[in-house]
Amino acid sequence: MTSTEPIEILVTSNQNYIDPLKVMLYSLRLNNPKAALRVWLLQSDISAETNANLLKYAGRLNLDLNVIKMDERVNLPKSFLSVYDYPQEMYFRLLCADSLPQDLHKVLYLDPDLLVINDIMPLWETNLDGKMFAAAVHKGLTDIMRSINNLRLGTDGGYYNSGVMLMDLDQMRQKIKINDIIETVEKYHDYLILPDQDILNYLYSDDTREISEDLWNFDARKSIMYLTRSGGQENLDWVMKHTSIIHFCGKPKPWQPDSNSPYTALWLNYQQIVTNHFN
C-alpha cells in the first residue's frame, strides 16, 4: 500500500540542469513505485515555461512538485557567487529551512546528477540520533583526501559529501545563520574547492551523522575501489541489488561523451526512456 505520509524530497537546479533532474526524478519514481513523494524544487533562474513543463512532467510521474523561487526569499552576497563561478543554487540546500513550510520538519536532499535505483525508505526513516544532518563520506583506499581536507579546512573528521543529505529542518532553522556562511566564504575564499560542501564540513561536520556511502551515495567513478575494498563483494550485481543511490560525482558527467563509468550506460538508458516517453 502507498504510504499516506510523503517522503519529502529536496532538489535544487538551474536552467542548465533540468534534463539531468528529470532523469533523476524518473529513477526515483520508477524504483519507489508505491511511495508518496513530495518534491521541493529550489531555483532562481528557471523560466516560467520550463517550470510549467516540469510540473506537467512531475504529474505524469505522480510526483507532488512544488517550485520555490529562492531569489525572492534569500539575498545572496556577491562573495557567494565569486568562488570559481559555481552557481548560487549550490547554497540553497543549506539555506532551505526558512523557505520551506514551517510545518515541514525533515527533508531528503538529492543532487540532480544521481540515479535512485532501489528503495529509499530506509534512508528516509534513518534516525539522526540528534544530529542536524546525515550524509556519507567518500573514503579512499588510503583516505589521503581526508587528511588533505582536514588540513585545508581545519577539521578533524571525515569529509561529508553534500549530494545526498537527510536534513532536520527544525534544527536548521535554529542553527544555520547566513552570516556564519558569509564569514566562512570570505575567510576561506582562496581555499574552497567545492564551496557549499566545504562549508558543510567546516561549520556542521560535528552535527552530521555518517551513513553508508556504499548504500546511499555510491561514487560512480570509484567502482574499482569499492570492489577492491570489499574483497570483491561489491561487484555490479551487488550494487544493483543493494545500493539505492548511484552518484555521478565530479566530471565527466554521464551525459557527456567522454564519460567512461561502468554506470554511464545505466544513466543513458534512463535518459533514453525519459526522452522517448515523456517528451
C-alpha atoms as a PDB file:
ATOM      1  CA  MET A   1       0.000   0.000   0.000  1.00  0.00           C
ATOM      2  CA  THR A   2       1.088   3.570  -0.653  1.00  0.00           C
ATOM      3  CA  SER A   3       2.047   5.462   2.490  1.00  0.00           C
ATOM      4  CA  THR A   4      -0.155   8.483   3.203  1.00  0.00           C
ATOM      5  CA  GLU A   5       2.797  10.363   4.687  1.00  0.00           C
ATOM      6  CA  PRO A   6       5.019  11.501   1.809  1.00  0.00           C
ATOM      7  CA  ILE A   7       8.768  11.228   1.598  1.00  0.00           C
ATOM      8  CA  GLU A   8       9.830  14.865   1.346  1.00  0.00           C
ATOM      9  CA  ILE A   9      12.467  15.306  -1.372  1.00  0.00           C
ATOM     10  CA  LEU A  10      14.517  18.490  -1.789  1.00  0.00           C
ATOM     11  CA  VAL A  11      16.212  19.315  -5.095  1.00  0.00           C
ATOM     12  CA  THR A  12      17.937  22.383  -6.486  1.00  0.00           C
ATOM     13  CA  SER A  13      18.572  23.186 -10.112  1.00  0.00           C
ATOM     14  CA  ASN A  14      19.271  25.927 -12.593  1.00  0.00           C
ATOM     15  CA  GLN A  15      18.170  26.033 -16.216  1.00  0.00           C
ATOM     16  CA  ASN A  16      21.226  24.031 -17.335  1.00  0.00           C
ATOM     17  CA  TYR A  17      20.460  21.006 -15.126  1.00  0.00           C
ATOM     18  CA  ILE A  18      16.815  20.427 -15.987  1.00  0.00           C
ATOM     19  CA  ASP A  19      17.443  17.357 -18.160  1.00  0.00           C
ATOM     20  CA  PRO A  20      19.552  15.518 -15.533  1.00  0.00           C
ATOM     21  CA  LEU A  21      16.980  16.479 -12.899  1.00  0.00           C
ATOM     22  CA  LYS A  22      14.215  14.864 -14.976  1.00  0.00           C
ATOM     23  CA  VAL A  23      16.261  11.659 -15.279  1.00  0.00           C
ATOM     24  CA  MET A  24      16.884  11.593 -11.522  1.00  0.00           C
ATOM     25  CA  LEU A  25      13.193  12.122 -10.743  1.00  0.00           C
ATOM     26  CA  TYR A  26      12.215   9.351 -13.143  1.00  0.00           C
ATOM     27  CA  SER A  27      14.642   6.934 -11.477  1.00  0.00           C
ATOM     28  CA  LEU A  28      13.267   7.952  -8.077  1.00  0.00           C
ATOM     29  CA  ARG A  29       9.698   7.189  -9.072  1.00  0.00           C
ATOM     30  CA  LEU A  30      10.485   4.020 -11.047  1.00  0.00           C
ATOM     31  CA  ASN A  31      12.262   2.384  -8.134  1.00  0.00           C
ATOM     32  CA  ASN A  32       9.924   3.670  -5.425  1.00  0.00           C
ATOM     33  CA  PRO A  33       6.624   2.948  -7.183  1.00  0.00           C
ATOM     34  CA  LYS A  34       4.387   2.795  -4.103  1.00  0.00           C
ATOM     35  CA  ALA A  35       5.839   5.697  -2.137  1.00  0.00           C
ATOM     36  CA  ALA A  36       4.084   9.031  -1.826  1.00  0.00           C
ATOM     37  CA  LEU A  37       6.734  11.520  -2.947  1.00  0.00           C
ATOM     38  CA  ARG A  38       6.583  15.281  -2.490  1.00  0.00           C
ATOM     39  CA  VAL A  39       9.350  17.204  -4.228  1.00  0.00           C
ATOM     40  CA  TRP A  40      10.506  20.715  -3.361  1.00  0.00           C
ATOM     41  CA  LEU A  41      12.480  22.402  -6.145  1.00  0.00           C
ATOM     42  CA  LEU A  42      14.544  25.426  -5.126  1.00  0.00           C
ATOM     43  CA  GLN A  43      15.572  27.541  -8.107  1.00  0.00           C
ATOM     44  CA  SER A  44      16.165  31.110  -9.226  1.00  0.00           C
ATOM     45  CA  ASP A  45      16.702  31.261 -12.994  1.00  0.00           C
ATOM     46  CA  ILE A  46      14.372  28.635 -14.461  1.00  0.00           C
ATOM     47  CA  SER A  47      11.941  30.070 -16.994  1.00  0.00           C
ATOM     48  CA  ALA A  48       8.193  30.016 -16.457  1.00  0.00           C
ATOM     49  CA  GLU A  49       7.820  27.742 -19.492  1.00  0.00           C
ATOM     50  CA  THR A  50      10.350  25.263 -18.112  1.00  0.00           C
ATOM     51  CA  ASN A  51       8.658  25.278 -14.706  1.00  0.00           C
ATOM     52  CA  ALA A  52       5.302  24.604 -16.357  1.00  0.00           C
ATOM     53  CA  ASN A  53       6.793  21.687 -18.287  1.00  0.00           C
ATOM     54  CA  LEU A  54       8.384  20.338 -15.104  1.00  0.00           C
ATOM     55  CA  LEU A  55       5.077  20.458 -13.268  1.00  0.00           C
ATOM     56  CA  LYS A  56       3.423  18.568 -16.119  1.00  0.00           C
ATOM     57  CA  TYR A  57       6.250  16.024 -16.148  1.00  0.00           C
ATOM     58  CA  ALA A  58       6.023  15.543 -12.374  1.00  0.00           C
ATOM     59  CA  GLY A  59       2.299  14.985 -12.685  1.00  0.00           C
ATOM     60  CA  ARG A  60       2.874  12.176 -15.175  1.00  0.00           C
ATOM     61  CA  LEU A  61       5.253  10.590 -12.656  1.00  0.00           C
ATOM     62  CA  ASN A  62       2.742  11.024  -9.832  1.00  0.00           C
ATOM     63  CA  LEU A  63       5.107  13.366  -8.019  1.00  0.00           C
ATOM     64  CA  ASP A  64       3.791  16.293  -5.999  1.00  0.00           C
ATOM     65  CA  LEU A  65       6.185  19.005  -7.235  1.00  0.00           C
ATOM     66  CA  ASN A  66       6.430  22.394  -5.531  1.00  0.00           C
ATOM     67  CA  VAL A  67       8.598  25.133  -7.052  1.00  0.00           C
ATOM     68  CA  ILE A  68      10.147  27.804  -4.819  1.00  0.00           C
ATOM     69  CA  LYS A  69      11.982  30.816  -6.254  1.00  0.00           C
ATOM     70  CA  MET A  70      14.858  31.384  -3.871  1.00  0.00           C
ATOM     71  CA  ASP A  71      15.883  34.758  -5.291  1.00  0.00           C
ATOM     72  CA  GLU A  72      12.607  36.098  -3.894  1.00  0.00           C
ATOM     73  CA  ARG A  73      13.422  34.746  -0.425  1.00  0.00           C
ATOM     74  CA  VAL A  74      17.209  34.856   0.030  1.00  0.00           C
ATOM     75  CA  ASN A  75      19.559  37.677  -0.926  1.00  0.00           C
ATOM     76  CA  LEU A  76      22.958  36.105  -1.528  1.00  0.00           C
ATOM     77  CA  PRO A  77      26.005  38.392  -1.342  1.00  0.00           C
ATOM     78  CA  LYS A  78      28.413  38.640  -4.261  1.00  0.00           C
ATOM     79  CA  SER A  79      31.024  36.669  -2.302  1.00  0.00           C
ATOM     80  CA  PHE A  80      28.795  33.598  -2.682  1.00  0.00           C
ATOM     81  CA  LEU A  81      28.925  33.877  -6.442  1.00  0.00           C
ATOM     82  CA  SER A  82      32.619  34.569  -6.948  1.00  0.00           C
ATOM     83  CA  VAL A  83      34.139  31.244  -5.868  1.00  0.00           C
ATOM     84  CA  TYR A  84      35.259  29.603  -9.115  1.00  0.00           C
ATOM     85  CA  ASP A  85      31.963  30.623 -10.748  1.00  0.00           C
ATOM     86  CA  TYR A  86      29.943  27.940  -9.000  1.00  0.00           C
ATOM     87  CA  PRO A  87      26.191  28.523  -9.341  1.00  0.00           C
ATOM     88  CA  GLN A  88      24.337  30.058  -6.419  1.00  0.00           C
ATOM     89  CA  GLU A  89      21.945  27.104  -6.406  1.00  0.00           C
ATOM     90  CA  MET A  90      24.573  25.026  -4.613  1.00  0.00           C
ATOM     91  CA  TYR A  91      23.991  27.087  -1.449  1.00  0.00           C
ATOM     92  CA  PHE A  92      20.222  26.673  -1.483  1.00  0.00           C
ATOM     93  CA  ARG A  93      20.301  23.304   0.293  1.00  0.00           C
ATOM     94  CA  LEU A  94      21.974  24.826   3.356  1.00  0.00           C
ATOM     95  CA  LEU A  95      19.617  27.826   3.321  1.00  0.00           C
ATOM     96  CA  CYS A  96      16.407  25.952   2.589  1.00  0.00           C
ATOM     97  CA  ALA A  97      14.816  25.658   6.023  1.00  0.00           C
ATOM     98  CA  ASP A  98      13.186  29.086   6.274  1.00  0.00           C
ATOM     99  CA  SER A  99      11.940  28.893   2.675  1.00  0.00           C
ATOM    100  CA  LEU A 100      10.160  25.575   3.169  1.00  0.00           C
ATOM    101  CA  PRO A 101       6.840  25.348   5.048  1.00  0.00           C
ATOM    102  CA  GLN A 102       7.281  25.689   8.794  1.00  0.00           C
ATOM    103  CA  ASP A 103       5.295  22.511   9.394  1.00  0.00           C
ATOM    104  CA  LEU A 104       7.853  20.558   7.357  1.00  0.00           C
ATOM    105  CA  HIS A 105      10.313  19.019   9.808  1.00  0.00           C
ATOM    106  CA  LYS A 106      12.540  16.742   7.725  1.00  0.00           C
ATOM    107  CA  VAL A 107      13.637  16.563   4.101  1.00  0.00           C
ATOM    108  CA  LEU A 108      15.911  14.361   1.981  1.00  0.00           C
ATOM    109  CA  TYR A 109      18.157  16.339  -0.350  1.00  0.00           C
ATOM    110  CA  LEU A 110      19.175  14.681  -3.642  1.00  0.00           C
ATOM    111  CA  ASP A 111      21.561  16.077  -6.263  1.00  0.00           C
ATOM    112  CA  PRO A 112      20.305  16.095  -9.871  1.00  0.00           C
ATOM    113  CA  ASP A 113      23.362  14.118 -11.054  1.00  0.00           C
ATOM    114  CA  LEU A 114      22.425  10.821  -9.438  1.00  0.00           C
ATOM    115  CA  LEU A 115      20.243   7.774 -10.012  1.00  0.00           C
ATOM    116  CA  VAL A 116      17.953   6.215  -7.430  1.00  0.00           C
ATOM    117  CA  ILE A 117      18.000   2.507  -8.256  1.00  0.00           C
ATOM    118  CA  ASN A 118      16.392   0.949  -5.160  1.00  0.00           C
ATOM    119  CA  ASP A 119      14.129   1.754  -2.208  1.00  0.00           C
ATOM    120  CA  ILE A 120      14.972   4.964  -0.332  1.00  0.00           C
ATOM    121  CA  MET A 121      12.520   4.465   2.533  1.00  0.00           C
ATOM    122  CA  PRO A 122      15.223   3.061   4.888  1.00  0.00           C
ATOM    123  CA  LEU A 123      17.232   6.245   4.354  1.00  0.00           C
ATOM    124  CA  TRP A 124      14.179   8.437   4.910  1.00  0.00           C
ATOM    125  CA  GLU A 125      13.491   6.589   8.167  1.00  0.00           C
ATOM    126  CA  THR A 126      17.104   6.811   9.398  1.00  0.00           C
ATOM    127  CA  ASN A 127      17.404   8.033  12.983  1.00  0.00           C
ATOM    128  CA  LEU A 128      19.526  11.160  13.014  1.00  0.00           C
ATOM    129  CA  ASP A 129      20.486  10.499  16.641  1.00  0.00           C
ATOM    130  CA  GLY A 130      20.052  14.155  17.484  1.00  0.00           C
ATOM    131  CA  LYS A 131      22.221  15.351  14.610  1.00  0.00           C
ATOM    132  CA  MET A 132      21.145  18.007  12.118  1.00  0.00           C
ATOM    133  CA  PHE A 133      22.292  16.101   9.021  1.00  0.00           C
ATOM    134  CA  ALA A 134      23.037  12.584   7.834  1.00  0.00           C
ATOM    135  CA  ALA A 135      25.487  12.242   4.950  1.00  0.00           C
ATOM    136  CA  ALA A 136      28.102   9.879   3.536  1.00  0.00           C
ATOM    137  CA  VAL A 137      31.873  10.134   3.494  1.00  0.00           C
ATOM    138  CA  HIS A 138      33.606   9.014   0.314  1.00  0.00           C
ATOM    139  CA  LYS A 139      36.578   7.113   1.672  1.00  0.00           C
ATOM    140  CA  GLY A 140      39.580   6.156  -0.445  1.00  0.00           C
ATOM    141  CA  LEU A 141      41.718   3.071  -0.050  1.00  0.00           C
ATOM    142  CA  THR A 142      44.297   5.142   1.810  1.00  0.00           C
ATOM    143  CA  ASP A 143      41.953   8.025   2.724  1.00  0.00           C
ATOM    144  CA  ILE A 144      44.585  10.603   1.752  1.00  0.00           C
ATOM    145  CA  MET A 145      41.918  13.168   0.874  1.00  0.00           C
ATOM    146  CA  ARG A 146      40.620  13.130   4.433  1.00  0.00           C
ATOM    147  CA  SER A 147      43.987  14.336   5.703  1.00  0.00           C
ATOM    148  CA  ILE A 148      44.188  16.966   2.969  1.00  0.00           C
ATOM    149  CA  ASN A 149      40.696  18.272   3.720  1.00  0.00           C
ATOM    150  CA  ASN A 150      41.344  18.281   7.459  1.00  0.00           C
ATOM    151  CA  LEU A 151      44.442  20.384   6.891  1.00  0.00           C
ATOM    152  CA  ARG A 152      42.748  22.659   4.366  1.00  0.00           C
ATOM    153  CA  LEU A 153      39.663  23.352   6.484  1.00  0.00           C
ATOM    154  CA  GLY A 154      40.988  22.765   9.985  1.00  0.00           C
ATOM    155  CA  THR A 155      38.555  19.896  10.608  1.00  0.00           C
ATOM    156  CA  ASP A 156      39.316  16.537  12.217  1.00  0.00           C
ATOM    157  CA  GLY A 157      36.663  14.133  10.879  1.00  0.00           C
ATOM    158  CA  GLY A 158      35.607  12.611   7.600  1.00  0.00           C
ATOM    159  CA  TYR A 159      34.729  14.847   4.664  1.00  0.00           C
ATOM    160  CA  TYR A 160      30.980  14.585   4.058  1.00  0.00           C
ATOM    161  CA  ASN A 161      29.545  14.647   0.556  1.00  0.00           C
ATOM    162  CA  SER A 162      26.607  17.055   0.308  1.00  0.00           C
ATOM    163  CA  GLY A 163      24.955  15.358  -2.690  1.00  0.00           C
ATOM    164  CA  VAL A 164      22.699  13.184  -0.519  1.00  0.00           C
ATOM    165  CA  MET A 165      21.633  14.551   2.862  1.00  0.00           C
ATOM    166  CA  LEU A 166      18.870  13.787   5.308  1.00  0.00           C
ATOM    167  CA  MET A 167      18.144  17.114   6.978  1.00  0.00           C
ATOM    168  CA  ASP A 168      16.430  18.087  10.236  1.00  0.00           C
ATOM    169  CA  LEU A 169      14.726  21.344   9.265  1.00  0.00           C
ATOM    170  CA  ASP A 170      13.807  22.325  12.816  1.00  0.00           C
ATOM    171  CA  GLN A 171      17.454  22.254  13.856  1.00  0.00           C
ATOM    172  CA  MET A 172      18.493  24.039  10.663  1.00  0.00           C
ATOM    173  CA  ARG A 173      16.090  26.887  11.434  1.00  0.00           C
ATOM    174  CA  GLN A 174      17.766  27.333  14.805  1.00  0.00           C
ATOM    175  CA  LYS A 175      21.414  26.701  13.950  1.00  0.00           C
ATOM    176  CA  ILE A 176      22.128  27.802  10.381  1.00  0.00           C
ATOM    177  CA  LYS A 177      22.804  31.508  10.101  1.00  0.00           C
ATOM    178  CA  ILE A 178      23.549  33.101   6.766  1.00  0.00           C
ATOM    179  CA  ASN A 179      26.147  35.363   8.391  1.00  0.00           C
ATOM    180  CA  ASP A 180      28.134  32.305   9.535  1.00  0.00           C
ATOM    181  CA  ILE A 181      28.206  31.075   5.942  1.00  0.00           C
ATOM    182  CA  ILE A 182      29.133  34.517   4.596  1.00  0.00           C
ATOM    183  CA  GLU A 183      32.041  34.783   7.050  1.00  0.00           C
ATOM    184  CA  THR A 184      33.270  31.294   6.109  1.00  0.00           C
ATOM    185  CA  VAL A 185      33.161  32.071   2.381  1.00  0.00           C
ATOM    186  CA  GLU A 186      35.056  35.314   2.911  1.00  0.00           C
ATOM    187  CA  LYS A 187      37.625  33.775   5.285  1.00  0.00           C
ATOM    188  CA  TYR A 188      38.359  30.657   3.230  1.00  0.00           C
ATOM    189  CA  HIS A 189      37.665  32.025  -0.256  1.00  0.00           C
ATOM    190  CA  ASP A 190      41.095  31.007  -1.580  1.00  0.00           C
ATOM    191  CA  TYR A 191      40.884  27.502  -0.104  1.00  0.00           C
ATOM    192  CA  LEU A 192      37.365  26.492  -1.094  1.00  0.00           C
ATOM    193  CA  ILE A 193      37.183  23.756  -3.737  1.00  0.00           C
ATOM    194  CA  LEU A 194      33.511  22.742  -3.513  1.00  0.00           C
ATOM    195  CA  PRO A 195      32.169  25.771  -1.638  1.00  0.00           C
ATOM    196  CA  ASP A 196      28.876  24.510  -0.213  1.00  0.00           C
ATOM    197  CA  GLN A 197      30.376  21.124   0.654  1.00  0.00           C
ATOM    198  CA  ASP A 198      33.382  22.768   2.287  1.00  0.00           C
ATOM    199  CA  ILE A 199      31.026  24.969   4.301  1.00  0.00           C
ATOM    200  CA  LEU A 200      29.003  21.930   5.387  1.00  0.00           C
ATOM    201  CA  ASN A 201      32.151  20.266   6.656  1.00  0.00           C
ATOM    202  CA  TYR A 202      33.711  23.346   8.219  1.00  0.00           C
ATOM    203  CA  LEU A 203      30.636  24.554  10.085  1.00  0.00           C
ATOM    204  CA  TYR A 204      28.482  21.479  10.625  1.00  0.00           C
ATOM    205  CA  SER A 205      30.545  18.291  10.448  1.00  0.00           C
ATOM    206  CA  ASP A 206      30.135  17.751  14.215  1.00  0.00           C
ATOM    207  CA  ASP A 207      26.372  17.911  13.687  1.00  0.00           C
ATOM    208  CA  THR A 208      26.349  15.298  10.923  1.00  0.00           C
ATOM    209  CA  ARG A 209      25.743  11.584  11.267  1.00  0.00           C
ATOM    210  CA  GLU A 210      27.633   9.349   8.847  1.00  0.00           C
ATOM    211  CA  ILE A 211      25.660   6.976   6.628  1.00  0.00           C
ATOM    212  CA  SER A 212      26.930   4.245   4.306  1.00  0.00           C
ATOM    213  CA  GLU A 213      28.341   5.529   1.030  1.00  0.00           C
ATOM    214  CA  ASP A 214      28.070   2.013  -0.423  1.00  0.00           C
ATOM    215  CA  LEU A 215      24.286   2.093   0.019  1.00  0.00           C
ATOM    216  CA  TRP A 216      23.295   5.745  -0.122  1.00  0.00           C
ATOM    217  CA  ASN A 217      25.927   7.704  -2.052  1.00  0.00           C
ATOM    218  CA  PHE A 218      27.878   5.310  -4.274  1.00  0.00           C
ATOM    219  CA  ASP A 219      30.506   7.276  -6.221  1.00  0.00           C
ATOM    220  CA  ALA A 220      30.176   6.064  -9.822  1.00  0.00           C
ATOM    221  CA  ARG A 221      33.796   6.984 -10.579  1.00  0.00           C
ATOM    222  CA  LYS A 222      35.195   4.599  -7.983  1.00  0.00           C
ATOM    223  CA  SER A 223      33.646   1.213  -8.721  1.00  0.00           C
ATOM    224  CA  ILE A 224      37.076  -0.464  -8.754  1.00  0.00           C
ATOM    225  CA  MET A 225      37.835   0.991  -5.336  1.00  0.00           C
ATOM    226  CA  TYR A 226      34.569  -0.336  -3.879  1.00  0.00           C
ATOM    227  CA  LEU A 227      35.237  -3.749  -5.415  1.00  0.00           C
ATOM    228  CA  THR A 228      38.765  -3.874  -4.018  1.00  0.00           C
ATOM    229  CA  ARG A 229      37.847  -2.540  -0.590  1.00  0.00           C
ATOM    230  CA  SER A 230      35.036  -5.080  -0.218  1.00  0.00           C
ATOM    231  CA  GLY A 231      37.238  -8.020  -1.154  1.00  0.00           C
ATOM    232  CA  GLY A 232      35.391  -8.471  -4.436  1.00  0.00           C
ATOM    233  CA  GLN A 233      31.887  -8.473  -2.949  1.00  0.00           C
ATOM    234  CA  GLU A 234      30.618  -5.147  -4.276  1.00  0.00           C
ATOM    235  CA  ASN A 235      30.514  -6.046  -7.952  1.00  0.00           C
ATOM    236  CA  LEU A 236      27.906  -4.854 -10.441  1.00  0.00           C
ATOM    237  CA  ASP A 237      25.383  -7.467  -9.334  1.00  0.00           C
ATOM    238  CA  TRP A 238      25.784  -6.478  -5.661  1.00  0.00           C
ATOM    239  CA  VAL A 239      25.389  -2.782  -6.438  1.00  0.00           C
ATOM    240  CA  MET A 240      22.214  -3.313  -8.455  1.00  0.00           C
ATOM    241  CA  LYS A 241      20.682  -5.337  -5.601  1.00  0.00           C
ATOM    242  CA  HIS A 242      21.857  -3.376  -2.563  1.00  0.00           C
ATOM    243  CA  THR A 243      22.826   0.185  -3.460  1.00  0.00           C
ATOM    244  CA  SER A 244      19.995   2.694  -3.541  1.00  0.00           C
ATOM    245  CA  ILE A 245      21.759   5.780  -4.885  1.00  0.00           C
ATOM    246  CA  ILE A 246      24.498   5.994  -7.515  1.00  0.00           C
ATOM    247  CA  HIS A 247      26.053   9.456  -7.583  1.00  0.00           C
ATOM    248  CA  PHE A 248      27.892  10.705 -10.670  1.00  0.00           C
ATOM    249  CA  CYS A 249      30.290  12.926  -8.743  1.00  0.00           C
ATOM    250  CA  GLY A 250      32.805  15.149 -10.465  1.00  0.00           C
ATOM    251  CA  LYS A 251      33.388  15.166 -14.192  1.00  0.00           C
ATOM    252  CA  PRO A 252      32.728  13.975 -16.785  1.00  0.00           C
ATOM    253  CA  LYS A 253      29.026  13.572 -16.207  1.00  0.00           C
ATOM    254  CA  PRO A 254      27.262  10.552 -17.744  1.00  0.00           C
ATOM    255  CA  TRP A 255      25.570  12.750 -20.367  1.00  0.00           C
ATOM    256  CA  GLN A 256      28.965  13.962 -21.604  1.00  0.00           C
ATOM    257  CA  PRO A 257      30.612  11.998 -24.442  1.00  0.00           C
ATOM    258  CA  ASP A 258      33.852  11.225 -22.576  1.00  0.00           C
ATOM    259  CA  SER A 259      32.147   9.579 -19.582  1.00  0.00           C
ATOM    260  CA  ASN A 260      33.513   6.063 -19.028  1.00  0.00           C
ATOM    261  CA  SER A 261      31.957   4.948 -15.726  1.00  0.00           C
ATOM    262  CA  PRO A 262      30.597   1.390 -15.670  1.00  0.00           C
ATOM    263  CA  TYR A 263      27.266   3.026 -14.783  1.00  0.00           C
ATOM    264  CA  THR A 264      27.187   5.527 -17.658  1.00  0.00           C
ATOM    265  CA  ALA A 265      25.126   3.131 -19.801  1.00  0.00           C
ATOM    266  CA  LEU A 266      22.582   2.785 -16.996  1.00  0.00           C
ATOM    267  CA  TRP A 267      22.146   6.554 -16.797  1.00  0.00           C
ATOM    268  CA  LEU A 268      21.885   6.844 -20.578  1.00  0.00           C
ATOM    269  CA  ASN A 269      19.186   4.162 -20.615  1.00  0.00           C
ATOM    270  CA  TYR A 270      17.116   6.131 -18.093  1.00  0.00           C
ATOM    271  CA  GLN A 271      17.669   9.266 -20.168  1.00  0.00           C
ATOM    272  CA  GLN A 272      16.508   7.473 -23.309  1.00  0.00           C
ATOM    273  CA  ILE A 273      13.288   6.372 -21.592  1.00  0.00           C
ATOM    274  CA  VAL A 274      12.589   9.927 -20.395  1.00  0.00           C
ATOM    275  CA  THR A 275      13.276  11.329 -23.871  1.00  0.00           C
ATOM    276  CA  ASN A 276      11.188   8.755 -25.724  1.00  0.00           C
ATOM    277  CA  HIS A 277       8.217   8.512 -23.386  1.00  0.00           C
ATOM    278  CA  PHE A 278       7.880  11.844 -21.582  1.00  0.00           C
ATOM    279  CA  ASN A 279       8.850  14.494 -24.136  1.00  0.00           C
END
